[in-house]
């Protein structure tokens, strides 16, 4: 319902749960103009454990798998 109210189309990731047993919803079609505000709004929805925006606390390091091994950015 929340994804729909934000203009997105949610799809249950079939046959997959997190290591904690949670289901994953992939949401497409969102127009994100303020990622920090959206992340906070999503995290305040009852039942939402986390989301994949990572805008409030961005990553310090990115690890990329390459043909030559792991690249650290």
PDB file of N, CA and C in Angstrom:
ATOM      1  N   UNK A   1       0.808  -1.200   0.000  1.00  0.00           N
ATOM      2  CA  UNK A   1       0.000   0.000   0.000  1.00  0.00           C
ATOM      3  C   UNK A   1       0.847   1.257   0.000  1.00  0.00           C
ATOM      4  N   UNK A   2       1.915   1.262   0.795  1.00  0.00           N
ATOM      5  CA  UNK A   2       2.763   2.454   0.858  1.00  0.00           C
ATOM      6  C   UNK A   2       3.413   2.712  -0.495  1.00  0.00           C
ATOM      7  N   UNK A   3       3.946   1.654  -1.126  1.00  0.00           N
ATOM      8  CA  UNK A   3       4.591   1.825  -2.430  1.00  0.00           C
ATOM      9  C   UNK A   3       3.606   2.377  -3.447  1.00  0.00           C
ATOM     10  N   UNK A   4       2.390   1.876  -3.413  1.00  0.00           N
ATOM     11  CA  UNK A   4       1.374   2.361  -4.345  1.00  0.00           C
ATOM     12  C   UNK A   4       1.041   3.817  -4.076  1.00  0.00           C
ATOM     13  N   UNK A   5       0.955   4.191  -2.809  1.00  0.00           N
ATOM     14  CA  UNK A   5       0.622   5.581  -2.482  1.00  0.00           C
ATOM     15  C   UNK A   5       1.744   6.537  -2.883  1.00  0.00           C
ATOM     16  N   UNK A   6       2.956   6.019  -3.011  1.00  0.00           N
ATOM     17  CA  UNK A   6       4.091   6.837  -3.435  1.00  0.00           C
ATOM     18  C   UNK A   6       4.258   6.824  -4.953  1.00  0.00           C
ATOM     19  N   UNK A   7       3.436   6.061  -5.631  1.00  0.00           N
ATOM     20  CA  UNK A   7       3.506   6.001  -7.084  1.00  0.00           C
ATOM     21  C   UNK A   7       4.317   4.844  -7.628  1.00  0.00           C
ATOM     22  N   UNK A   8       4.753   3.942  -6.769  1.00  0.00           N
ATOM     23  CA  UNK A   8       5.556   2.808  -7.206  1.00  0.00           C
ATOM     24  C   UNK A   8       4.738   1.554  -7.428  1.00  0.00           C
ATOM     25  N   UNK A   9       5.355   0.582  -8.088  1.00  0.00           N
ATOM     26  CA  UNK A   9       4.738  -0.717  -8.329  1.00  0.00           C
ATOM     27  C   UNK A   9       5.535  -1.783  -7.573  1.00  0.00           C
ATOM     28  N   UNK A  10       4.954  -2.342  -6.485  1.00  0.00           N
ATOM     29  CA  UNK A  10       5.671  -3.348  -5.707  1.00  0.00           C
ATOM     30  C   UNK A  10       5.540  -4.743  -6.321  1.00  0.00           C
ATOM     31  N   UNK A  11       6.614  -5.512  -6.239  1.00  0.00           N
ATOM     32  CA  UNK A  11       6.630  -6.901  -6.687  1.00  0.00           C
ATOM     33  C   UNK A  11       7.327  -7.725  -5.615  1.00  0.00           C
ATOM     34  N   UNK A  12       6.650  -8.771  -5.147  1.00  0.00           N
ATOM     35  CA  UNK A  12       7.266  -9.667  -4.163  1.00  0.00           C
ATOM     36  C   UNK A  12       8.377 -10.452  -4.841  1.00  0.00           C
ATOM     37  N   UNK A  13       9.550 -10.486  -4.244  1.00  0.00           N
ATOM     38  CA  UNK A  13      10.661 -11.277  -4.776  1.00  0.00           C
ATOM     39  C   UNK A  13      10.380 -12.740  -4.427  1.00  0.00           C
ATOM     40  N   UNK A  14       9.818 -13.447  -5.375  1.00  0.00           N
ATOM     41  CA  UNK A  14       9.351 -14.822  -5.185  1.00  0.00           C
ATOM     42  C   UNK A  14      10.501 -15.777  -4.857  1.00  0.00           C
ATOM     43  N   UNK A  15      10.250 -16.662  -3.904  1.00  0.00           N
ATOM     44  CA  UNK A  15      11.207 -17.715  -3.589  1.00  0.00           C
ATOM     45  C   UNK A  15      12.464 -17.239  -2.887  1.00  0.00           C
ATOM     46  N   UNK A  16      12.413 -16.066  -2.310  1.00  0.00           N
ATOM     47  CA  UNK A  16      13.607 -15.536  -1.659  1.00  0.00           C
ATOM     48  C   UNK A  16      13.228 -14.838  -0.368  1.00  0.00           C
ATOM     49  N   UNK A  17      13.954 -15.122   0.692  1.00  0.00           N
ATOM     50  CA  UNK A  17      13.817 -14.399   1.958  1.00  0.00           C
ATOM     51  C   UNK A  17      15.214 -14.009   2.422  1.00  0.00           C
ATOM     52  N   UNK A  18      15.276 -13.033   3.297  1.00  0.00           N
ATOM     53  CA  UNK A  18      16.565 -12.615   3.843  1.00  0.00           C
ATOM     54  C   UNK A  18      17.072 -13.659   4.819  1.00  0.00           C
ATOM     55  N   UNK A  19      18.290 -13.496   5.279  1.00  0.00           N
ATOM     56  CA  UNK A  19      18.843 -14.440   6.250  1.00  0.00           C
ATOM     57  C   UNK A  19      18.089 -14.381   7.575  1.00  0.00           C
ATOM     58  N   UNK A  20      17.299 -13.339   7.778  1.00  0.00           N
ATOM     59  CA  UNK A  20      16.463 -13.242   8.985  1.00  0.00           C
ATOM     60  C   UNK A  20      15.041 -13.725   8.733  1.00  0.00           C
ATOM     61  N   UNK A  21      14.778 -14.223   7.521  1.00  0.00           N
ATOM     62  CA  UNK A  21      13.465 -14.759   7.201  1.00  0.00           C
ATOM     63  C   UNK A  21      12.455 -13.731   6.728  1.00  0.00           C
ATOM     64  N   UNK A  22      12.903 -12.543   6.387  1.00  0.00           N
ATOM     65  CA  UNK A  22      11.997 -11.490   5.928  1.00  0.00           C
ATOM     66  C   UNK A  22      11.780 -11.574   4.423  1.00  0.00           C
ATOM     67  N   UNK A  23      10.592 -11.174   3.986  1.00  0.00           N
ATOM     68  CA  UNK A  23      10.301 -11.107   2.564  1.00  0.00           C
ATOM     69  C   UNK A  23      10.841  -9.804   1.990  1.00  0.00           C
ATOM     70  N   UNK A  24      11.061  -9.795   0.682  1.00  0.00           N
ATOM     71  CA  UNK A  24      11.581  -8.603   0.021  1.00  0.00           C
ATOM     72  C   UNK A  24      10.594  -8.142  -1.032  1.00  0.00           C
ATOM     73  N   UNK A  25      10.298  -6.847  -1.001  1.00  0.00           N
ATOM     74  CA  UNK A  25       9.491  -6.227  -2.041  1.00  0.00           C
ATOM     75  C   UNK A  25      10.407  -5.356  -2.891  1.00  0.00           C
ATOM     76  N   UNK A  26      10.398  -5.593  -4.190  1.00  0.00           N
ATOM     77  CA  UNK A  26      11.095  -4.717  -5.118  1.00  0.00           C
ATOM     78  C   UNK A  26      10.065  -3.711  -5.613  1.00  0.00           C
ATOM     79  N   UNK A  27      10.414  -2.434  -5.607  1.00  0.00           N
ATOM     80  CA  UNK A  27       9.478  -1.388  -6.034  1.00  0.00           C
ATOM     81  C   UNK A  27      10.082  -0.655  -7.222  1.00  0.00           C
ATOM     82  N   UNK A  28       9.316  -0.601  -8.297  1.00  0.00           N
ATOM     83  CA  UNK A  28       9.774   0.114  -9.489  1.00  0.00           C
ATOM     84  C   UNK A  28       8.836   1.281  -9.769  1.00  0.00           C
ATOM     85  N   UNK A  29       9.310   2.190 -10.575  1.00  0.00           N
ATOM     86  CA  UNK A  29       8.473   3.300 -11.019  1.00  0.00           C
ATOM     87  C   UNK A  29       8.357   4.463 -10.059  1.00  0.00           C
ATOM     88  N   UNK A  30       9.235   4.520  -9.060  1.00  0.00           N
ATOM     89  CA  UNK A  30       9.206   5.656  -8.132  1.00  0.00           C
ATOM     90  C   UNK A  30       9.993   6.827  -8.711  1.00  0.00           C
ATOM     91  N   UNK A  31       9.508   8.012  -8.482  1.00  0.00           N
ATOM     92  CA  UNK A  31      10.252   9.220  -8.809  1.00  0.00           C
ATOM     93  C   UNK A  31      10.820   9.726  -7.489  1.00  0.00           C
ATOM     94  N   UNK A  32      12.122   9.569  -7.305  1.00  0.00           N
ATOM     95  CA  UNK A  32      12.753   9.928  -6.040  1.00  0.00           C
ATOM     96  C   UNK A  32      13.424  11.288  -6.182  1.00  0.00           C
ATOM     97  N   UNK A  33      12.832  12.285  -5.556  1.00  0.00           N
ATOM     98  CA  UNK A  33      13.396  13.634  -5.606  1.00  0.00           C
ATOM     99  C   UNK A  33      14.150  13.985  -4.323  1.00  0.00           C
ATOM    100  N   UNK A  34      13.827  13.295  -3.229  1.00  0.00           N
ATOM    101  CA  UNK A  34      14.495  13.520  -1.948  1.00  0.00           C
ATOM    102  C   UNK A  34      14.708  12.159  -1.295  1.00  0.00           C
ATOM    103  N   UNK A  35      15.845  11.538  -1.592  1.00  0.00           N
ATOM    104  CA  UNK A  35      16.122  10.178  -1.133  1.00  0.00           C
ATOM    105  C   UNK A  35      16.173  10.072   0.390  1.00  0.00           C
ATOM    106  N   UNK A  36      16.710  11.072   1.058  1.00  0.00           N
ATOM    107  CA  UNK A  36      16.802  11.034   2.518  1.00  0.00           C
ATOM    108  C   UNK A  36      15.406  11.036   3.137  1.00  0.00           C
ATOM    109  N   UNK A  37      14.545  11.914   2.667  1.00  0.00           N
ATOM    110  CA  UNK A  37      13.175  11.974   3.195  1.00  0.00           C
ATOM    111  C   UNK A  37      12.420  10.677   2.900  1.00  0.00           C
ATOM    112  N   UNK A  38      12.595  10.122   1.709  1.00  0.00           N
ATOM    113  CA  UNK A  38      11.913   8.875   1.357  1.00  0.00           C
ATOM    114  C   UNK A  38      12.403   7.725   2.220  1.00  0.00           C
ATOM    115  N   UNK A  39      13.699   7.648   2.445  1.00  0.00           N
ATOM    116  CA  UNK A  39      14.245   6.590   3.298  1.00  0.00           C
ATOM    117  C   UNK A  39      13.665   6.681   4.708  1.00  0.00           C
ATOM    118  N   UNK A  40      13.605   7.876   5.253  1.00  0.00           N
ATOM    119  CA  UNK A  40      13.035   8.051   6.597  1.00  0.00           C
ATOM    120  C   UNK A  40      11.561   7.668   6.621  1.00  0.00           C
ATOM    121  N   UNK A  41      10.817   8.063   5.581  1.00  0.00           N
ATOM    122  CA  UNK A  41       9.390   7.727   5.494  1.00  0.00           C
ATOM    123  C   UNK A  41       9.204   6.210   5.423  1.00  0.00           C
ATOM    124  N   UNK A  42       9.984   5.537   4.596  1.00  0.00           N
ATOM    125  CA  UNK A  42       9.865   4.079   4.475  1.00  0.00           C
ATOM    126  C   UNK A  42      10.215   3.377   5.777  1.00  0.00           C
ATOM    127  N   UNK A  43      11.255   3.837   6.449  1.00  0.00           N
ATOM    128  CA  UNK A  43      11.673   3.200   7.695  1.00  0.00           C
ATOM    129  C   UNK A  43      10.677   3.415   8.829  1.00  0.00           C
ATOM    130  N   UNK A  44       9.760   4.362   8.694  1.00  0.00           N
ATOM    131  CA  UNK A  44       8.725   4.587   9.700  1.00  0.00           C
ATOM    132  C   UNK A  44       7.451   3.788   9.437  1.00  0.00           C
ATOM    133  N   UNK A  45       7.432   3.007   8.362  1.00  0.00           N
ATOM    134  CA  UNK A  45       6.270   2.165   8.052  1.00  0.00           C
ATOM    135  C   UNK A  45       6.348   0.901   8.907  1.00  0.00           C
ATOM    136  N   UNK A  46       5.289   0.598   9.670  1.00  0.00           N
ATOM    137  CA  UNK A  46       5.298  -0.627  10.474  1.00  0.00           C
ATOM    138  C   UNK A  46       5.552  -1.856   9.596  1.00  0.00           C
ATOM    139  N   UNK A  47       6.498  -2.690  10.019  1.00  0.00           N
ATOM    140  CA  UNK A  47       6.811  -3.908   9.285  1.00  0.00           C
ATOM    141  C   UNK A  47       8.004  -3.774   8.357  1.00  0.00           C
ATOM    142  N   UNK A  48       8.386  -2.550   8.022  1.00  0.00           N
ATOM    143  CA  UNK A  48       9.561  -2.362   7.171  1.00  0.00           C
ATOM    144  C   UNK A  48      10.802  -2.513   8.044  1.00  0.00           C
ATOM    145  N   UNK A  49      11.674  -3.446   7.672  1.00  0.00           N
ATOM    146  CA  UNK A  49      12.896  -3.680   8.443  1.00  0.00           C
ATOM    147  C   UNK A  49      13.989  -2.738   7.972  1.00  0.00           C
ATOM    148  N   UNK A  50      14.129  -2.615   6.669  1.00  0.00           N
ATOM    149  CA  UNK A  50      15.114  -1.708   6.082  1.00  0.00           C
ATOM    150  C   UNK A  50      14.754  -1.481   4.620  1.00  0.00           C
ATOM    151  N   UNK A  51      15.486  -0.623   3.964  1.00  0.00           N
ATOM    152  CA  UNK A  51      15.271  -0.394   2.538  1.00  0.00           C
ATOM    153  C   UNK A  51      16.630  -0.266   1.873  1.00  0.00           C
ATOM    154  N   UNK A  52      16.649  -0.209   0.568  1.00  0.00           N
ATOM    155  CA  UNK A  52      17.915  -0.193  -0.156  1.00  0.00           C
ATOM    156  C   UNK A  52      18.357   1.168  -0.642  1.00  0.00           C
ATOM    157  N   UNK A  53      17.859   2.250  -0.039  1.00  0.00           N
ATOM    158  CA  UNK A  53      18.263   3.572  -0.502  1.00  0.00           C
ATOM    159  C   UNK A  53      19.631   3.996   0.039  1.00  0.00           C
ATOM    160  N   UNK A  54      19.906   3.740   1.291  1.00  0.00           N
ATOM    161  CA  UNK A  54      21.185   4.092   1.923  1.00  0.00           C
ATOM    162  C   UNK A  54      21.547   5.557   1.738  1.00  0.00           C
ATOM    163  N   UNK A  55      20.553   6.440   1.873  1.00  0.00           N
ATOM    164  CA  UNK A  55      20.779   7.874   1.688  1.00  0.00           C
ATOM    165  C   UNK A  55      21.124   8.571   2.994  1.00  0.00           C
ATOM    166  N   UNK A  56      20.522   8.130   4.104  1.00  0.00           N
ATOM    167  CA  UNK A  56      20.761   8.774   5.396  1.00  0.00           C
ATOM    168  C   UNK A  56      22.193   8.508   5.857  1.00  0.00           C
ATOM    169  N   UNK A  57      22.620   7.270   5.779  1.00  0.00           N
ATOM    170  CA  UNK A  57      23.986   6.885   6.129  1.00  0.00           C
ATOM    171  C   UNK A  57      24.615   6.213   4.914  1.00  0.00           C
ATOM    172  N   UNK A  58      25.204   6.977   4.013  1.00  0.00           N
ATOM    173  CA  UNK A  58      25.764   6.384   2.799  1.00  0.00           C
ATOM    174  C   UNK A  58      26.962   5.494   3.113  1.00  0.00           C
ATOM    175  N   UNK A  59      27.291   4.642   2.188  1.00  0.00           N
ATOM    176  CA  UNK A  59      28.414   3.717   2.358  1.00  0.00           C
ATOM    177  C   UNK A  59      29.731   4.472   2.403  1.00  0.00           C
ATOM    178  N   UNK A  60      30.661   3.963   3.200  1.00  0.00           N
ATOM    179  CA  UNK A  60      32.010   4.514   3.255  1.00  0.00           C
ATOM    180  C   UNK A  60      32.908   3.841   2.230  1.00  0.00           C
ATOM    181  N   UNK A  61      32.572   2.583   1.900  1.00  0.00           N
ATOM    182  CA  UNK A  61      33.396   1.777   1.010  1.00  0.00           C
ATOM    183  C   UNK A  61      32.488   0.975   0.088  1.00  0.00           C
ATOM    184  N   UNK A  62      32.916   0.830  -1.153  1.00  0.00           N
ATOM    185  CA  UNK A  62      32.222  -0.057  -2.093  1.00  0.00           C
ATOM    186  C   UNK A  62      33.204  -1.139  -2.513  1.00  0.00           C
ATOM    187  N   UNK A  63      32.772  -2.399  -2.459  1.00  0.00           N
ATOM    188  CA  UNK A  63      33.596  -3.514  -2.901  1.00  0.00           C
ATOM    189  C   UNK A  63      33.001  -4.048  -4.192  1.00  0.00           C
ATOM    190  N   UNK A  64      33.792  -4.053  -5.253  1.00  0.00           N
ATOM    191  CA  UNK A  64      33.325  -4.495  -6.555  1.00  0.00           C
ATOM    192  C   UNK A  64      34.062  -5.759  -6.962  1.00  0.00           C
ATOM    193  N   UNK A  65      33.304  -6.771  -7.376  1.00  0.00           N
ATOM    194  CA  UNK A  65      33.919  -7.994  -7.882  1.00  0.00           C
ATOM    195  C   UNK A  65      34.282  -7.774  -9.346  1.00  0.00           C
ATOM    196  N   UNK A  66      35.544  -7.983  -9.686  1.00  0.00           N
ATOM    197  CA  UNK A  66      36.006  -7.822 -11.061  1.00  0.00           C
ATOM    198  C   UNK A  66      36.692  -9.110 -11.508  1.00  0.00           C
ATOM    199  N   UNK A  67      37.042  -9.184 -12.771  1.00  0.00           N
ATOM    200  CA  UNK A  67      37.757 -10.357 -13.284  1.00  0.00           C
ATOM    201  C   UNK A  67      39.129 -10.491 -12.649  1.00  0.00           C
ATOM    202  N   UNK A  68      39.648  -9.393 -12.115  1.00  0.00           N
ATOM    203  CA  UNK A  68      40.970  -9.394 -11.483  1.00  0.00           C
ATOM    204  C   UNK A  68      40.916  -9.441  -9.973  1.00  0.00           C
ATOM    205  N   UNK A  69      39.760  -9.761  -9.424  1.00  0.00           N
ATOM    206  CA  UNK A  69      39.602  -9.807  -7.970  1.00  0.00           C
ATOM    207  C   UNK A  69      38.698  -8.699  -7.464  1.00  0.00           C
ATOM    208  N   UNK A  70      38.790  -8.432  -6.183  1.00  0.00           N
ATOM    209  CA  UNK A  70      37.942  -7.424  -5.546  1.00  0.00           C
ATOM    210  C   UNK A  70      38.601  -6.056  -5.649  1.00  0.00           C
ATOM    211  N   UNK A  71      37.803  -5.078  -6.069  1.00  0.00           N
ATOM    212  CA  UNK A  71      38.279  -3.694  -6.151  1.00  0.00           C
ATOM    213  C   UNK A  71      37.589  -2.898  -5.059  1.00  0.00           C
ATOM    214  N   UNK A  72      38.359  -2.181  -4.274  1.00  0.00           N
ATOM    215  CA  UNK A  72      37.838  -1.376  -3.169  1.00  0.00           C
ATOM    216  C   UNK A  72      37.804   0.088  -3.571  1.00  0.00           C
ATOM    217  N   UNK A  73      36.627   0.711  -3.460  1.00  0.00           N
ATOM    218  CA  UNK A  73      36.493   2.120  -3.782  1.00  0.00           C
ATOM    219  C   UNK A  73      36.174   2.903  -2.519  1.00  0.00           C
TER     220      UNK A  73
END
